[in-house]
Amino acid sequence: MNIRKATPDDIIPLSVLFDAYRVFYKKKSDPEAAQNFLKERITQNDSEILVCETAEGILVGFTQLYPLFSSRRMQKLWLLNDLFVDQEYRGQGLSIQLIDRAKQLVGDTNACGMYLETEKSNFIGNALYPRAGFTHNANSNFYEWNASNY
């Protein structure tokens, strides 16, 4: 498997994975919106999308990271916002490979680390992230404000 940065040529096959990822999180399937969203992220270069491809060039997984900044640390950090591997390719360590490549991105950009959030019901992810070196931050509270509520 090859882990590399996504390119504009990846938008269509990547959007299939991205749509499946959203469906996993109980969102309505919308392949066209997924394609448009990814095209915007890639062309505006406002996220880092890493893809996992087979030797035949088939995309089977991805992770998307967004840049953030820590005022307290006065450094860049990354939000690992999305991580998904096609169901047929799970159990092969591809998620760990994608995370390891994300860690390399942290180092390459002189960032201080990366954060992630997942639902409590994501048992696979909640078992994976500690194995990948993440620690659960029990000292922090996570709050959310949604404009759609107002």
N, C-alpha and C. Protein backbone atom coordinates (compact mmCIF):
# COMPACT_ATOMS: atom_id res chain seq x y z
N MET A 1 0.84 -1.19 0.00
CA MET A 1 0.00 0.00 0.00
C MET A 1 0.88 1.24 0.00
N ASN A 2 0.39 2.26 -0.64
CA ASN A 2 1.10 3.52 -0.73
C ASN A 2 0.26 4.61 -0.07
N ILE A 3 0.87 5.36 0.83
CA ILE A 3 0.21 6.50 1.48
C ILE A 3 0.82 7.76 0.87
N ARG A 4 -0.03 8.62 0.33
CA ARG A 4 0.45 9.84 -0.32
C ARG A 4 -0.59 10.94 -0.19
N LYS A 5 -0.17 12.16 -0.52
CA LYS A 5 -1.07 13.31 -0.51
C LYS A 5 -2.03 13.21 -1.69
N ALA A 6 -3.29 13.53 -1.42
CA ALA A 6 -4.30 13.51 -2.48
C ALA A 6 -4.03 14.62 -3.49
N THR A 7 -4.38 14.36 -4.73
CA THR A 7 -4.25 15.32 -5.81
C THR A 7 -5.63 15.57 -6.43
N PRO A 8 -5.76 16.58 -7.27
CA PRO A 8 -7.05 16.79 -7.95
C PRO A 8 -7.53 15.57 -8.74
N ASP A 9 -6.61 14.76 -9.24
CA ASP A 9 -7.01 13.55 -9.96
C ASP A 9 -7.70 12.53 -9.07
N ASP A 10 -7.57 12.65 -7.77
CA ASP A 10 -8.17 11.71 -6.82
C ASP A 10 -9.59 12.08 -6.42
N ILE A 11 -10.07 13.23 -6.82
CA ILE A 11 -11.34 13.74 -6.27
C ILE A 11 -12.49 12.77 -6.48
N ILE A 12 -12.65 12.21 -7.65
CA ILE A 12 -13.80 11.34 -7.90
C ILE A 12 -13.70 10.04 -7.08
N PRO A 13 -12.60 9.27 -7.15
CA PRO A 13 -12.56 8.06 -6.32
C PRO A 13 -12.53 8.36 -4.82
N LEU A 14 -11.92 9.46 -4.44
CA LEU A 14 -11.88 9.84 -3.03
C LEU A 14 -13.28 10.20 -2.54
N SER A 15 -14.08 10.82 -3.40
CA SER A 15 -15.44 11.21 -2.98
C SER A 15 -16.30 9.99 -2.68
N VAL A 16 -16.03 8.86 -3.32
CA VAL A 16 -16.77 7.63 -3.01
C VAL A 16 -16.46 7.19 -1.58
N LEU A 17 -15.17 7.20 -1.22
CA LEU A 17 -14.77 6.86 0.15
C LEU A 17 -15.33 7.87 1.15
N PHE A 18 -15.25 9.16 0.79
CA PHE A 18 -15.72 10.21 1.69
C PHE A 18 -17.22 10.09 1.94
N ASP A 19 -17.97 9.77 0.91
CA ASP A 19 -19.41 9.58 1.07
C ASP A 19 -19.69 8.39 1.99
N ALA A 20 -18.96 7.30 1.82
CA ALA A 20 -19.12 6.13 2.69
C ALA A 20 -18.77 6.48 4.14
N TYR A 21 -17.74 7.29 4.31
CA TYR A 21 -17.35 7.76 5.65
C TYR A 21 -18.50 8.53 6.30
N ARG A 22 -19.12 9.43 5.55
CA ARG A 22 -20.23 10.22 6.09
C ARG A 22 -21.42 9.33 6.43
N VAL A 23 -21.69 8.35 5.60
CA VAL A 23 -22.79 7.42 5.86
C VAL A 23 -22.50 6.63 7.15
N PHE A 24 -21.23 6.27 7.37
CA PHE A 24 -20.84 5.59 8.60
C PHE A 24 -21.25 6.42 9.81
N TYR A 25 -21.16 7.74 9.70
CA TYR A 25 -21.55 8.64 10.78
C TYR A 25 -23.00 9.11 10.66
N LYS A 26 -23.82 8.28 9.99
CA LYS A 26 -25.26 8.45 9.92
C LYS A 26 -25.71 9.72 9.19
N LYS A 27 -24.91 10.14 8.22
CA LYS A 27 -25.29 11.26 7.36
C LYS A 27 -25.87 10.69 6.08
N LYS A 28 -26.74 11.44 5.44
CA LYS A 28 -27.37 11.01 4.19
C LYS A 28 -26.32 10.98 3.07
N SER A 29 -26.35 9.94 2.28
CA SER A 29 -25.44 9.84 1.15
C SER A 29 -25.69 10.99 0.17
N ASP A 30 -24.61 11.63 -0.25
CA ASP A 30 -24.69 12.73 -1.21
C ASP A 30 -23.37 12.78 -1.97
N PRO A 31 -23.19 11.87 -2.95
CA PRO A 31 -21.92 11.80 -3.67
C PRO A 31 -21.51 13.10 -4.35
N GLU A 32 -22.47 13.84 -4.90
CA GLU A 32 -22.14 15.08 -5.58
C GLU A 32 -21.61 16.13 -4.60
N ALA A 33 -22.26 16.25 -3.45
CA ALA A 33 -21.79 17.20 -2.43
C ALA A 33 -20.42 16.78 -1.91
N ALA A 34 -20.22 15.47 -1.74
CA ALA A 34 -18.92 14.98 -1.28
C ALA A 34 -17.83 15.36 -2.27
N GLN A 35 -18.11 15.17 -3.55
CA GLN A 35 -17.14 15.53 -4.58
C GLN A 35 -16.85 17.03 -4.57
N ASN A 36 -17.87 17.84 -4.46
CA ASN A 36 -17.69 19.30 -4.43
C ASN A 36 -16.89 19.74 -3.20
N PHE A 37 -17.22 19.14 -2.05
CA PHE A 37 -16.51 19.48 -0.81
C PHE A 37 -15.03 19.16 -0.93
N LEU A 38 -14.71 17.97 -1.42
CA LEU A 38 -13.30 17.57 -1.55
C LEU A 38 -12.57 18.40 -2.59
N LYS A 39 -13.24 18.71 -3.68
CA LYS A 39 -12.62 19.55 -4.71
C LYS A 39 -12.24 20.90 -4.12
N GLU A 40 -13.13 21.45 -3.32
CA GLU A 40 -12.87 22.74 -2.68
C GLU A 40 -11.69 22.65 -1.71
N ARG A 41 -11.65 21.61 -0.90
CA ARG A 41 -10.55 21.44 0.06
C ARG A 41 -9.21 21.33 -0.66
N ILE A 42 -9.20 20.53 -1.74
CA ILE A 42 -7.93 20.31 -2.45
C ILE A 42 -7.51 21.54 -3.23
N THR A 43 -8.43 22.17 -3.95
CA THR A 43 -8.04 23.33 -4.76
C THR A 43 -7.70 24.54 -3.91
N GLN A 44 -8.36 24.70 -2.77
CA GLN A 44 -8.06 25.82 -1.89
C GLN A 44 -6.91 25.51 -0.94
N ASN A 45 -6.46 24.26 -0.94
CA ASN A 45 -5.34 23.84 -0.11
C ASN A 45 -5.54 24.21 1.37
N ASP A 46 -6.77 24.01 1.85
CA ASP A 46 -7.03 24.36 3.25
C ASP A 46 -7.14 23.14 4.15
N SER A 47 -6.82 21.96 3.62
CA SER A 47 -6.68 20.76 4.45
C SER A 47 -5.62 19.89 3.81
N GLU A 48 -5.14 18.93 4.58
CA GLU A 48 -4.22 17.93 4.05
C GLU A 48 -5.00 16.62 3.99
N ILE A 49 -5.11 16.08 2.81
CA ILE A 49 -5.79 14.80 2.64
C ILE A 49 -4.74 13.79 2.19
N LEU A 50 -4.63 12.74 2.98
CA LEU A 50 -3.71 11.66 2.68
C LEU A 50 -4.53 10.46 2.27
N VAL A 51 -4.12 9.80 1.19
CA VAL A 51 -4.86 8.65 0.70
C VAL A 51 -4.00 7.40 0.77
N CYS A 52 -4.68 6.28 0.89
CA CYS A 52 -4.04 4.97 0.88
C CYS A 52 -4.48 4.29 -0.41
N GLU A 53 -3.51 3.90 -1.23
CA GLU A 53 -3.87 3.26 -2.49
C GLU A 53 -3.17 1.92 -2.64
N THR A 54 -3.83 1.01 -3.34
CA THR A 54 -3.26 -0.30 -3.61
C THR A 54 -2.19 -0.18 -4.69
N ALA A 55 -1.47 -1.26 -4.92
CA ALA A 55 -0.46 -1.29 -5.98
C ALA A 55 -1.10 -1.03 -7.34
N GLU A 56 -2.39 -1.34 -7.46
CA GLU A 56 -3.11 -1.10 -8.72
C GLU A 56 -3.64 0.33 -8.82
N GLY A 57 -3.39 1.15 -7.81
CA GLY A 57 -3.82 2.55 -7.84
C GLY A 57 -5.25 2.78 -7.37
N ILE A 58 -5.84 1.82 -6.68
CA ILE A 58 -7.21 1.96 -6.18
C ILE A 58 -7.16 2.58 -4.79
N LEU A 59 -7.90 3.66 -4.58
CA LEU A 59 -7.96 4.31 -3.27
C LEU A 59 -8.84 3.48 -2.34
N VAL A 60 -8.29 3.14 -1.17
CA VAL A 60 -9.03 2.30 -0.22
C VAL A 60 -9.16 2.94 1.16
N GLY A 61 -8.55 4.10 1.36
CA GLY A 61 -8.65 4.78 2.64
C GLY A 61 -8.13 6.20 2.54
N PHE A 62 -8.45 6.98 3.55
CA PHE A 62 -7.98 8.37 3.57
C PHE A 62 -8.02 8.91 4.99
N THR A 63 -7.29 9.98 5.19
CA THR A 63 -7.42 10.80 6.39
C THR A 63 -7.35 12.25 5.95
N GLN A 64 -8.10 13.10 6.63
CA GLN A 64 -8.10 14.53 6.32
C GLN A 64 -7.78 15.30 7.60
N LEU A 65 -6.81 16.19 7.48
CA LEU A 65 -6.36 16.98 8.63
C LEU A 65 -6.51 18.46 8.30
N TYR A 66 -6.89 19.21 9.31
CA TYR A 66 -7.03 20.66 9.18
C TYR A 66 -6.01 21.35 10.09
N PRO A 67 -5.40 22.43 9.61
CA PRO A 67 -4.44 23.14 10.45
C PRO A 67 -5.15 23.99 11.51
N LEU A 68 -4.58 23.97 12.69
CA LEU A 68 -5.03 24.80 13.81
C LEU A 68 -3.78 25.44 14.42
N PHE A 69 -4.01 26.32 15.37
CA PHE A 69 -2.89 26.94 16.08
C PHE A 69 -3.19 26.92 17.57
N SER A 70 -2.17 26.67 18.36
CA SER A 70 -2.28 26.70 19.80
C SER A 70 -1.68 28.01 20.29
N SER A 71 -2.51 28.86 20.85
CA SER A 71 -2.02 30.12 21.40
C SER A 71 -1.13 29.89 22.61
N ARG A 72 -1.52 28.94 23.45
CA ARG A 72 -0.71 28.67 24.64
C ARG A 72 0.68 28.16 24.27
N ARG A 73 0.74 27.31 23.28
CA ARG A 73 2.03 26.76 22.85
C ARG A 73 2.71 27.61 21.79
N MET A 74 1.94 28.51 21.20
CA MET A 74 2.41 29.37 20.11
C MET A 74 2.99 28.53 18.97
N GLN A 75 2.24 27.48 18.61
CA GLN A 75 2.66 26.60 17.53
C GLN A 75 1.44 26.11 16.76
N LYS A 76 1.73 25.64 15.57
CA LYS A 76 0.71 24.99 14.74
C LYS A 76 0.43 23.62 15.34
N LEU A 77 -0.82 23.17 15.19
CA LEU A 77 -1.16 21.79 15.47
C LEU A 77 -2.19 21.37 14.44
N TRP A 78 -2.46 20.09 14.37
CA TRP A 78 -3.36 19.56 13.34
C TRP A 78 -4.56 18.89 13.99
N LEU A 79 -5.70 19.04 13.34
CA LEU A 79 -6.91 18.34 13.73
C LEU A 79 -7.09 17.19 12.74
N LEU A 80 -6.94 15.97 13.24
CA LEU A 80 -7.23 14.79 12.43
C LEU A 80 -8.74 14.64 12.46
N ASN A 81 -9.39 15.15 11.42
CA ASN A 81 -10.84 15.25 11.42
C ASN A 81 -11.52 14.01 10.85
N ASP A 82 -10.89 13.38 9.87
CA ASP A 82 -11.51 12.26 9.18
C ASP A 82 -10.50 11.14 9.01
N LEU A 83 -10.95 9.91 9.22
CA LEU A 83 -10.13 8.73 8.98
C LEU A 83 -11.07 7.61 8.57
N PHE A 84 -10.80 7.01 7.42
CA PHE A 84 -11.70 5.98 6.92
C PHE A 84 -10.94 5.01 6.04
N VAL A 85 -11.25 3.73 6.22
CA VAL A 85 -10.72 2.67 5.36
C VAL A 85 -11.91 1.85 4.87
N ASP A 86 -11.94 1.59 3.57
CA ASP A 86 -12.99 0.77 2.97
C ASP A 86 -13.11 -0.54 3.74
N GLN A 87 -14.34 -0.96 3.95
CA GLN A 87 -14.62 -2.13 4.78
C GLN A 87 -13.86 -3.37 4.30
N GLU A 88 -13.69 -3.53 3.00
CA GLU A 88 -12.99 -4.71 2.46
C GLU A 88 -11.51 -4.73 2.80
N TYR A 89 -10.96 -3.60 3.21
CA TYR A 89 -9.52 -3.50 3.47
C TYR A 89 -9.20 -3.30 4.94
N ARG A 90 -10.20 -3.36 5.79
CA ARG A 90 -9.97 -3.18 7.23
C ARG A 90 -9.25 -4.39 7.81
N GLY A 91 -8.58 -4.18 8.93
CA GLY A 91 -7.88 -5.26 9.59
C GLY A 91 -6.49 -5.52 9.04
N GLN A 92 -6.01 -4.63 8.16
CA GLN A 92 -4.69 -4.79 7.55
C GLN A 92 -3.69 -3.75 8.05
N GLY A 93 -4.10 -2.96 9.03
CA GLY A 93 -3.21 -1.95 9.57
C GLY A 93 -3.15 -0.66 8.77
N LEU A 94 -4.08 -0.46 7.85
CA LEU A 94 -4.04 0.73 7.00
C LEU A 94 -4.34 2.01 7.78
N SER A 95 -5.22 1.92 8.77
CA SER A 95 -5.51 3.11 9.59
C SER A 95 -4.25 3.55 10.33
N ILE A 96 -3.50 2.60 10.86
CA ILE A 96 -2.25 2.93 11.55
C ILE A 96 -1.26 3.56 10.56
N GLN A 97 -1.20 3.04 9.35
CA GLN A 97 -0.31 3.62 8.34
C GLN A 97 -0.70 5.05 8.01
N LEU A 98 -2.01 5.30 7.88
CA LEU A 98 -2.47 6.67 7.61
C LEU A 98 -2.14 7.59 8.79
N ILE A 99 -2.34 7.11 10.01
CA ILE A 99 -2.02 7.91 11.19
C ILE A 99 -0.51 8.17 11.27
N ASP A 100 0.29 7.16 10.97
CA ASP A 100 1.74 7.35 10.99
C ASP A 100 2.17 8.41 9.98
N ARG A 101 1.52 8.42 8.81
CA ARG A 101 1.84 9.44 7.81
C ARG A 101 1.38 10.82 8.30
N ALA A 102 0.26 10.86 9.03
CA ALA A 102 -0.20 12.13 9.61
C ALA A 102 0.80 12.62 10.65
N LYS A 103 1.37 11.70 11.43
CA LYS A 103 2.41 12.09 12.40
C LYS A 103 3.62 12.67 11.68
N GLN A 104 3.93 12.12 10.53
CA GLN A 104 5.04 12.67 9.74
C GLN A 104 4.72 14.09 9.29
N LEU A 105 3.47 14.34 8.92
CA LEU A 105 3.04 15.69 8.56
C LEU A 105 3.25 16.65 9.73
N VAL A 106 2.91 16.20 10.93
CA VAL A 106 3.12 17.03 12.13
C VAL A 106 4.59 17.43 12.22
N GLY A 107 5.46 16.46 12.07
CA GLY A 107 6.90 16.75 12.13
C GLY A 107 7.37 17.63 10.99
N ASP A 108 6.90 17.35 9.78
CA ASP A 108 7.32 18.12 8.61
C ASP A 108 6.91 19.57 8.69
N THR A 109 5.83 19.86 9.41
CA THR A 109 5.33 21.24 9.51
C THR A 109 5.71 21.90 10.83
N ASN A 110 6.58 21.24 11.60
CA ASN A 110 7.01 21.76 12.91
C ASN A 110 5.84 22.05 13.83
N ALA A 111 4.80 21.24 13.71
CA ALA A 111 3.63 21.40 14.58
C ALA A 111 3.90 20.72 15.93
N CYS A 112 3.09 21.07 16.92
CA CYS A 112 3.30 20.51 18.26
C CYS A 112 2.52 19.23 18.50
N GLY A 113 1.64 18.86 17.60
CA GLY A 113 0.89 17.63 17.76
C GLY A 113 -0.38 17.64 16.93
N MET A 114 -1.27 16.71 17.25
CA MET A 114 -2.56 16.67 16.58
C MET A 114 -3.64 16.21 17.55
N TYR A 115 -4.82 16.71 17.30
CA TYR A 115 -6.00 16.35 18.06
C TYR A 115 -6.92 15.53 17.17
N LEU A 116 -7.81 14.80 17.81
CA LEU A 116 -8.89 14.18 17.08
C LEU A 116 -10.08 14.04 18.01
N GLU A 117 -11.22 13.87 17.41
CA GLU A 117 -12.46 13.63 18.15
C GLU A 117 -13.18 12.49 17.46
N THR A 118 -13.78 11.63 18.23
CA THR A 118 -14.64 10.60 17.66
C THR A 118 -15.81 10.37 18.60
N GLU A 119 -16.85 9.82 18.04
CA GLU A 119 -18.03 9.54 18.86
C GLU A 119 -17.72 8.42 19.85
N LYS A 120 -18.36 8.48 20.98
CA LYS A 120 -18.18 7.42 21.98
C LYS A 120 -18.62 6.07 21.45
N SER A 121 -19.57 6.07 20.51
CA SER A 121 -20.08 4.83 19.94
C SER A 121 -19.15 4.24 18.87
N ASN A 122 -18.08 4.95 18.52
CA ASN A 122 -17.13 4.45 17.52
C ASN A 122 -16.13 3.53 18.23
N PHE A 123 -16.56 2.31 18.48
CA PHE A 123 -15.75 1.37 19.24
C PHE A 123 -14.45 1.03 18.53
N ILE A 124 -14.48 0.94 17.21
CA ILE A 124 -13.27 0.63 16.45
C ILE A 124 -12.25 1.76 16.63
N GLY A 125 -12.69 2.99 16.42
CA GLY A 125 -11.78 4.13 16.57
C GLY A 125 -11.28 4.29 17.99
N ASN A 126 -12.17 4.10 18.95
CA ASN A 126 -11.76 4.25 20.35
C ASN A 126 -10.77 3.18 20.79
N ALA A 127 -10.75 2.05 20.12
CA ALA A 127 -9.73 1.03 20.38
C ALA A 127 -8.45 1.32 19.59
N LEU A 128 -8.61 1.89 18.40
CA LEU A 128 -7.47 2.17 17.51
C LEU A 128 -6.58 3.29 18.03
N TYR A 129 -7.16 4.41 18.42
CA TYR A 129 -6.36 5.60 18.70
C TYR A 129 -5.34 5.42 19.83
N PRO A 130 -5.68 4.77 20.92
CA PRO A 130 -4.64 4.52 21.93
C PRO A 130 -3.50 3.64 21.39
N ARG A 131 -3.84 2.66 20.55
CA ARG A 131 -2.80 1.81 19.94
C ARG A 131 -1.89 2.63 19.03
N ALA A 132 -2.42 3.73 18.49
CA ALA A 132 -1.65 4.59 17.60
C ALA A 132 -0.88 5.68 18.35
N GLY A 133 -0.93 5.64 19.69
CA GLY A 133 -0.16 6.57 20.50
C GLY A 133 -0.92 7.77 21.00
N PHE A 134 -2.21 7.86 20.71
CA PHE A 134 -3.02 8.97 21.23
C PHE A 134 -3.41 8.67 22.67
N THR A 135 -3.54 9.72 23.46
CA THR A 135 -4.01 9.57 24.83
C THR A 135 -5.34 10.30 24.98
N HIS A 136 -6.22 9.70 25.74
CA HIS A 136 -7.51 10.32 26.01
C HIS A 136 -7.30 11.43 27.02
N ASN A 137 -7.77 12.62 26.71
CA ASN A 137 -7.60 13.77 27.59
C ASN A 137 -8.83 13.89 28.47
N ALA A 138 -8.77 13.27 29.64
CA ALA A 138 -9.89 13.29 30.57
C ALA A 138 -9.97 14.60 31.35
N ASN A 139 -8.96 15.46 31.21
CA ASN A 139 -8.93 16.73 31.95
C ASN A 139 -9.62 17.86 31.21
N SER A 140 -10.05 17.61 29.99
CA SER A 140 -10.67 18.67 29.19
C SER A 140 -12.13 18.37 28.93
N ASN A 141 -12.88 19.41 28.74
CA ASN A 141 -14.27 19.30 28.31
C ASN A 141 -14.34 19.76 26.87
N PHE A 142 -15.13 19.10 26.10
CA PHE A 142 -15.34 19.46 24.71
C PHE A 142 -16.73 20.05 24.60
N TYR A 143 -16.83 21.28 24.12
CA TYR A 143 -18.10 21.95 23.96
C TYR A 143 -18.31 22.25 22.48
N GLU A 144 -19.57 22.35 22.10
CA GLU A 144 -19.90 22.61 20.70
C GLU A 144 -20.99 23.64 20.64
N TRP A 145 -20.88 24.56 19.69
CA TRP A 145 -21.92 25.52 19.41
C TRP A 145 -22.26 25.38 17.93
N ASN A 146 -23.53 25.27 17.62
CA ASN A 146 -23.97 25.11 16.23
C ASN A 146 -24.82 26.30 15.82
N ALA A 147 -24.45 26.94 14.73
CA ALA A 147 -25.21 28.06 14.21
C ALA A 147 -26.63 27.63 13.82
N SER A 148 -26.81 26.38 13.44
CA SER A 148 -28.13 25.92 13.02
C SER A 148 -29.13 25.87 14.17
N ASN A 149 -28.63 25.96 15.41
CA ASN A 149 -29.54 25.96 16.56
C ASN A 149 -30.13 27.33 16.85
N TYR A 150 -29.69 28.34 16.12
CA TYR A 150 -30.16 29.71 16.37
C TYR A 150 -30.85 30.32 15.20
